[in-house]
């Protein structure tokens, strides 16, 4: 199972896109969620767990030094497609805070104090 986040969902059309940690976005259809009655409420930013359909997994290649003049036929890239999608509360190992921009600015009580760089 892989984890990602819904970036777009079109309820009137019944499909959307998932952004994984790495790689291209993944297409999913409402039928990948299993039972459609009642229709689940899917919003952008919703974490999901998914499996890719066999044969649609993106292929990562290193750049080669060969020129584009080669006579080898180029393959059409296969777009990743989710076969099974499950809505979850949070991605395992991730910390979901109310305000991710807010950082803990308190110092440890025994932390060394910074000394000023100037002298008086």
N, C-alpha and C. Protein backbone atom coordinates (compact mmCIF):
# COMPACT_ATOMS: atom_id res chain seq x y z
N UNK A 1 0.83 -1.18 0.00
CA UNK A 1 0.00 0.00 0.00
C UNK A 1 0.88 1.24 0.00
N UNK A 2 0.42 2.24 -0.70
CA UNK A 2 1.13 3.51 -0.76
C UNK A 2 0.23 4.59 -0.19
N UNK A 3 0.82 5.71 0.16
CA UNK A 3 0.07 6.79 0.76
C UNK A 3 0.25 8.06 -0.06
N UNK A 4 -0.79 8.88 -0.07
CA UNK A 4 -0.75 10.13 -0.80
C UNK A 4 -1.85 11.05 -0.31
N UNK A 5 -2.02 12.17 -1.02
CA UNK A 5 -3.01 13.17 -0.66
C UNK A 5 -3.83 13.52 -1.90
N UNK A 6 -5.14 13.66 -1.73
CA UNK A 6 -6.01 14.05 -2.83
C UNK A 6 -5.73 15.51 -3.15
N UNK A 7 -5.44 15.81 -4.43
CA UNK A 7 -5.20 17.21 -4.80
C UNK A 7 -6.39 17.79 -5.53
N UNK A 8 -7.13 16.95 -6.28
CA UNK A 8 -8.33 17.40 -6.98
C UNK A 8 -9.34 16.28 -7.00
N UNK A 9 -10.61 16.64 -6.88
CA UNK A 9 -11.67 15.65 -7.03
C UNK A 9 -12.87 16.34 -7.66
N UNK A 10 -13.42 15.73 -8.68
CA UNK A 10 -14.58 16.26 -9.39
C UNK A 10 -15.77 15.35 -9.13
N UNK A 11 -16.64 15.70 -8.16
CA UNK A 11 -17.75 14.80 -7.80
C UNK A 11 -18.75 14.59 -8.93
N UNK A 12 -18.96 15.60 -9.76
CA UNK A 12 -19.92 15.45 -10.86
C UNK A 12 -19.40 14.50 -11.95
N UNK A 13 -18.10 14.39 -12.07
CA UNK A 13 -17.51 13.49 -13.06
C UNK A 13 -17.09 12.16 -12.46
N UNK A 14 -16.83 12.14 -11.14
CA UNK A 14 -16.51 10.90 -10.46
C UNK A 14 -15.06 10.47 -10.53
N UNK A 15 -14.14 11.42 -10.69
CA UNK A 15 -12.73 11.07 -10.68
C UNK A 15 -11.92 12.17 -10.03
N UNK A 16 -10.66 11.85 -9.75
CA UNK A 16 -9.77 12.83 -9.14
C UNK A 16 -8.32 12.41 -9.28
N UNK A 17 -7.45 13.14 -8.58
CA UNK A 17 -6.02 12.90 -8.67
C UNK A 17 -5.41 12.85 -7.28
N UNK A 18 -4.43 11.98 -7.12
CA UNK A 18 -3.71 11.80 -5.86
C UNK A 18 -2.27 12.24 -6.08
N UNK A 19 -1.72 12.98 -5.11
CA UNK A 19 -0.31 13.34 -5.16
C UNK A 19 0.46 12.47 -4.19
N UNK A 20 1.33 11.58 -4.72
CA UNK A 20 2.16 10.75 -3.82
C UNK A 20 3.35 11.55 -3.31
N UNK A 21 4.16 10.92 -2.44
CA UNK A 21 5.36 11.59 -1.94
C UNK A 21 6.34 11.89 -3.06
N UNK A 22 6.52 10.93 -3.96
CA UNK A 22 7.41 11.12 -5.10
C UNK A 22 6.72 10.63 -6.36
N UNK A 23 7.10 11.19 -7.48
CA UNK A 23 6.58 10.73 -8.75
C UNK A 23 5.41 11.55 -9.25
N UNK A 24 4.86 11.14 -10.38
CA UNK A 24 3.76 11.89 -10.99
C UNK A 24 2.44 11.67 -10.25
N UNK A 25 1.48 12.56 -10.50
CA UNK A 25 0.16 12.43 -9.91
C UNK A 25 -0.54 11.19 -10.43
N UNK A 26 -1.46 10.65 -9.62
CA UNK A 26 -2.13 9.39 -9.94
C UNK A 26 -3.61 9.63 -10.12
N UNK A 27 -4.16 9.11 -11.19
CA UNK A 27 -5.58 9.22 -11.50
C UNK A 27 -6.35 8.16 -10.72
N UNK A 28 -7.53 8.51 -10.18
CA UNK A 28 -8.40 7.51 -9.57
C UNK A 28 -9.85 7.80 -9.94
N UNK A 29 -10.64 6.74 -10.04
CA UNK A 29 -12.06 6.84 -10.35
C UNK A 29 -12.84 6.49 -9.09
N UNK A 30 -14.07 6.95 -8.99
CA UNK A 30 -14.90 6.71 -7.82
C UNK A 30 -15.10 5.21 -7.57
N UNK A 31 -15.05 4.39 -8.61
CA UNK A 31 -15.22 2.95 -8.43
C UNK A 31 -14.04 2.33 -7.70
N UNK A 32 -12.89 3.01 -7.64
CA UNK A 32 -11.73 2.51 -6.91
C UNK A 32 -11.96 2.58 -5.40
N UNK A 33 -12.96 3.36 -4.97
CA UNK A 33 -13.27 3.46 -3.55
C UNK A 33 -14.16 2.32 -3.07
N UNK A 34 -14.59 1.48 -3.97
CA UNK A 34 -15.45 0.36 -3.59
C UNK A 34 -16.91 0.76 -3.70
N UNK A 35 -17.67 0.54 -2.65
CA UNK A 35 -19.10 0.85 -2.67
C UNK A 35 -19.31 2.36 -2.81
N UNK A 36 -20.18 2.75 -3.70
CA UNK A 36 -20.42 4.17 -3.97
C UNK A 36 -21.69 4.68 -3.30
N UNK A 37 -22.42 3.85 -2.56
CA UNK A 37 -23.64 4.30 -1.90
C UNK A 37 -23.44 4.20 -0.40
N UNK A 38 -23.48 5.23 0.37
CA UNK A 38 -23.56 6.62 -0.07
C UNK A 38 -22.20 7.09 -0.59
N UNK A 39 -22.25 8.08 -1.45
CA UNK A 39 -21.02 8.59 -2.05
C UNK A 39 -20.16 9.26 -0.96
N UNK A 40 -18.89 8.88 -0.85
CA UNK A 40 -18.04 9.46 0.20
C UNK A 40 -17.73 10.93 -0.07
N UNK A 41 -17.50 11.66 1.01
CA UNK A 41 -17.14 13.07 0.88
C UNK A 41 -15.62 13.16 0.76
N UNK A 42 -15.16 13.54 -0.40
CA UNK A 42 -13.73 13.63 -0.68
C UNK A 42 -13.39 15.10 -0.89
N UNK A 43 -12.39 15.57 -0.17
CA UNK A 43 -11.96 16.96 -0.27
C UNK A 43 -10.47 17.02 -0.58
N UNK A 44 -10.02 18.10 -1.23
CA UNK A 44 -8.58 18.26 -1.44
C UNK A 44 -7.86 18.30 -0.10
N UNK A 45 -6.72 17.63 -0.03
CA UNK A 45 -5.94 17.55 1.20
C UNK A 45 -6.25 16.31 2.01
N UNK A 46 -7.24 15.51 1.58
CA UNK A 46 -7.62 14.28 2.29
C UNK A 46 -6.54 13.22 2.08
N UNK A 47 -5.96 12.66 3.17
CA UNK A 47 -4.99 11.59 2.99
C UNK A 47 -5.66 10.29 2.56
N UNK A 48 -5.00 9.55 1.70
CA UNK A 48 -5.54 8.28 1.18
C UNK A 48 -4.46 7.21 1.16
N UNK A 49 -4.92 5.97 1.15
CA UNK A 49 -4.06 4.81 0.98
C UNK A 49 -4.51 4.19 -0.34
N UNK A 50 -3.58 3.83 -1.22
CA UNK A 50 -3.97 3.35 -2.54
C UNK A 50 -3.03 2.26 -3.04
N UNK A 51 -3.51 1.53 -4.04
CA UNK A 51 -2.70 0.55 -4.77
C UNK A 51 -2.78 0.90 -6.24
N UNK A 52 -1.66 0.73 -6.94
CA UNK A 52 -1.65 1.01 -8.37
C UNK A 52 -2.09 -0.21 -9.16
N UNK A 53 -2.72 0.05 -10.29
CA UNK A 53 -3.12 -1.02 -11.19
C UNK A 53 -1.85 -1.61 -11.81
N UNK A 54 -1.76 -2.95 -11.90
CA UNK A 54 -0.56 -3.55 -12.48
C UNK A 54 -0.31 -3.05 -13.91
N UNK A 55 0.93 -2.75 -14.19
CA UNK A 55 1.31 -2.29 -15.52
C UNK A 55 1.25 -0.78 -15.68
N UNK A 56 0.74 -0.06 -14.69
CA UNK A 56 0.67 1.40 -14.80
C UNK A 56 1.65 2.09 -13.86
N UNK A 57 2.52 1.31 -13.23
CA UNK A 57 3.49 1.90 -12.31
C UNK A 57 4.49 2.75 -13.10
N UNK A 58 4.77 4.00 -12.64
CA UNK A 58 5.70 4.84 -13.37
C UNK A 58 7.11 4.25 -13.36
N UNK A 59 7.79 4.39 -14.48
CA UNK A 59 9.16 3.88 -14.59
C UNK A 59 10.11 5.05 -14.47
N UNK A 60 11.07 4.90 -13.58
CA UNK A 60 12.07 5.95 -13.39
C UNK A 60 13.35 5.50 -14.06
N UNK A 61 13.91 6.36 -14.87
CA UNK A 61 15.16 6.03 -15.56
C UNK A 61 16.17 7.13 -15.31
N UNK A 62 17.42 6.70 -15.34
CA UNK A 62 18.50 7.68 -15.28
C UNK A 62 18.68 8.28 -16.67
N UNK A 63 19.16 9.48 -16.67
CA UNK A 63 19.44 10.11 -17.97
C UNK A 63 20.66 9.44 -18.58
N UNK A 64 20.58 9.18 -19.85
CA UNK A 64 21.72 8.57 -20.53
C UNK A 64 22.41 9.64 -21.36
N UNK A 65 23.60 9.33 -21.78
CA UNK A 65 24.37 10.29 -22.57
C UNK A 65 24.13 10.11 -24.06
N UNK A 66 23.26 9.20 -24.40
CA UNK A 66 22.98 9.01 -25.83
C UNK A 66 22.24 10.20 -26.38
N UNK A 67 22.47 10.49 -27.63
CA UNK A 67 21.78 11.63 -28.24
C UNK A 67 20.38 11.21 -28.66
N UNK A 68 19.55 12.17 -28.98
CA UNK A 68 18.18 11.90 -29.40
C UNK A 68 18.12 11.40 -30.84
N UNK A 69 19.27 11.33 -31.54
CA UNK A 69 19.28 10.88 -32.93
C UNK A 69 19.11 9.37 -33.04
N UNK A 70 19.18 8.65 -31.92
CA UNK A 70 19.11 7.20 -31.97
C UNK A 70 17.85 6.74 -32.69
N UNK A 71 17.97 5.60 -33.34
CA UNK A 71 16.87 5.07 -34.12
C UNK A 71 15.95 4.18 -33.29
N UNK A 72 16.18 4.12 -31.96
CA UNK A 72 15.33 3.28 -31.11
C UNK A 72 13.96 3.95 -30.95
N UNK A 73 12.88 3.15 -31.05
CA UNK A 73 11.55 3.75 -30.89
C UNK A 73 11.31 4.18 -29.45
N UNK A 74 10.64 5.31 -29.31
CA UNK A 74 10.38 5.82 -27.97
C UNK A 74 9.05 5.26 -27.49
N UNK A 75 9.03 4.88 -26.19
CA UNK A 75 7.81 4.35 -25.59
C UNK A 75 6.92 5.50 -25.15
N UNK A 76 5.62 5.31 -25.27
CA UNK A 76 4.69 6.28 -24.74
C UNK A 76 4.62 6.07 -23.23
N UNK A 77 4.73 7.13 -22.45
CA UNK A 77 4.68 6.95 -21.00
C UNK A 77 3.29 6.48 -20.57
N UNK A 78 3.27 5.53 -19.64
CA UNK A 78 2.01 5.00 -19.12
C UNK A 78 1.62 5.85 -17.91
N UNK A 79 0.38 6.33 -17.91
CA UNK A 79 -0.08 7.16 -16.80
C UNK A 79 -0.49 6.26 -15.65
N UNK A 80 -0.04 6.58 -14.42
CA UNK A 80 -0.39 5.75 -13.26
C UNK A 80 -1.88 5.83 -12.96
N UNK A 81 -2.46 4.69 -12.61
CA UNK A 81 -3.89 4.57 -12.33
C UNK A 81 -4.08 3.80 -11.03
N UNK A 82 -4.88 4.34 -10.13
CA UNK A 82 -5.14 3.68 -8.85
C UNK A 82 -6.24 2.63 -9.03
N UNK A 83 -5.96 1.43 -8.55
CA UNK A 83 -6.93 0.34 -8.64
C UNK A 83 -7.80 0.29 -7.39
N UNK A 84 -7.23 0.61 -6.24
CA UNK A 84 -7.93 0.58 -4.97
C UNK A 84 -7.54 1.83 -4.18
N UNK A 85 -8.54 2.56 -3.66
CA UNK A 85 -8.29 3.77 -2.87
C UNK A 85 -9.10 3.68 -1.59
N UNK A 86 -8.47 4.03 -0.47
CA UNK A 86 -9.14 4.02 0.82
C UNK A 86 -8.87 5.35 1.51
N UNK A 87 -9.94 6.02 1.98
CA UNK A 87 -9.79 7.27 2.71
C UNK A 87 -9.32 6.97 4.12
N UNK A 88 -8.33 7.73 4.61
CA UNK A 88 -7.80 7.53 5.95
C UNK A 88 -7.77 8.86 6.68
N UNK A 89 -7.55 8.81 8.01
CA UNK A 89 -7.53 10.03 8.81
C UNK A 89 -6.21 10.77 8.69
N UNK A 90 -5.10 10.01 8.73
CA UNK A 90 -3.80 10.66 8.57
C UNK A 90 -2.80 9.64 8.02
N UNK A 91 -1.75 10.15 7.43
CA UNK A 91 -0.71 9.30 6.87
C UNK A 91 0.16 8.80 8.01
N UNK A 92 0.42 7.50 8.11
CA UNK A 92 1.24 6.98 9.20
C UNK A 92 2.62 7.63 9.22
N UNK A 93 3.05 8.01 10.41
CA UNK A 93 4.36 8.64 10.56
C UNK A 93 4.34 10.13 10.36
N UNK A 94 3.24 10.68 9.86
CA UNK A 94 3.15 12.12 9.64
C UNK A 94 2.55 12.78 10.86
N UNK A 95 2.97 13.99 11.12
CA UNK A 95 2.43 14.75 12.23
C UNK A 95 1.53 15.82 11.64
N UNK A 96 0.25 15.75 11.95
CA UNK A 96 -0.69 16.75 11.47
C UNK A 96 -0.95 17.74 12.59
N UNK A 97 -0.46 18.96 12.41
CA UNK A 97 -0.65 20.00 13.41
C UNK A 97 -1.71 20.95 12.91
N UNK A 98 -2.30 21.69 13.84
CA UNK A 98 -3.31 22.65 13.44
C UNK A 98 -2.69 23.78 12.64
N UNK A 99 -1.53 24.24 13.04
CA UNK A 99 -0.84 25.30 12.33
C UNK A 99 0.59 24.86 12.06
N UNK A 100 0.87 24.34 10.87
CA UNK A 100 2.22 23.84 10.61
C UNK A 100 3.28 24.94 10.55
N UNK A 101 2.87 26.22 10.33
CA UNK A 101 3.84 27.31 10.25
C UNK A 101 4.32 27.74 11.63
N UNK A 102 3.57 27.38 12.67
CA UNK A 102 3.94 27.76 14.03
C UNK A 102 4.98 26.77 14.56
N UNK A 103 6.11 27.28 14.98
CA UNK A 103 7.16 26.41 15.51
C UNK A 103 7.31 26.64 17.00
N UNK A 104 7.80 25.65 17.67
CA UNK A 104 8.04 25.76 19.10
C UNK A 104 9.30 26.59 19.31
N UNK A 105 9.13 27.81 19.85
CA UNK A 105 10.27 28.71 20.01
C UNK A 105 10.84 28.68 21.42
N UNK A 106 10.24 27.90 22.31
CA UNK A 106 10.76 27.82 23.66
C UNK A 106 12.05 27.02 23.68
N UNK A 107 13.00 27.50 24.48
CA UNK A 107 14.27 26.81 24.62
C UNK A 107 14.23 25.90 25.83
N UNK A 108 15.05 24.91 25.82
CA UNK A 108 15.18 24.02 26.97
C UNK A 108 15.76 24.83 28.13
N UNK A 109 15.29 24.58 29.37
CA UNK A 109 15.78 25.40 30.48
C UNK A 109 17.29 25.33 30.69
N UNK A 110 17.92 24.23 30.33
CA UNK A 110 19.37 24.12 30.51
C UNK A 110 20.14 24.39 29.22
N UNK A 111 19.44 24.93 28.24
CA UNK A 111 20.11 25.21 26.96
C UNK A 111 21.09 26.36 27.12
N UNK A 112 22.17 26.29 26.38
CA UNK A 112 23.19 27.33 26.44
C UNK A 112 22.65 28.61 25.81
N UNK A 113 22.87 29.70 26.49
CA UNK A 113 22.42 30.99 25.97
C UNK A 113 23.43 31.49 24.94
N UNK A 114 22.94 32.07 23.88
CA UNK A 114 23.85 32.65 22.89
C UNK A 114 24.47 33.91 23.45
N UNK A 115 25.75 34.07 23.20
CA UNK A 115 26.45 35.27 23.65
C UNK A 115 26.43 36.27 22.50
N UNK A 116 26.33 37.54 22.83
CA UNK A 116 26.33 38.55 21.76
C UNK A 116 27.68 38.59 21.07
N UNK A 117 27.67 38.93 19.80
CA UNK A 117 28.91 39.00 19.02
C UNK A 117 29.65 40.31 19.23
N UNK A 118 29.00 41.29 19.82
CA UNK A 118 29.65 42.58 20.05
C UNK A 118 30.03 42.69 21.52
N UNK A 119 30.97 43.51 21.81
CA UNK A 119 31.41 43.74 23.19
C UNK A 119 31.04 45.15 23.61
N UNK A 120 30.73 45.29 24.88
CA UNK A 120 30.40 46.62 25.36
C UNK A 120 31.50 47.20 26.22
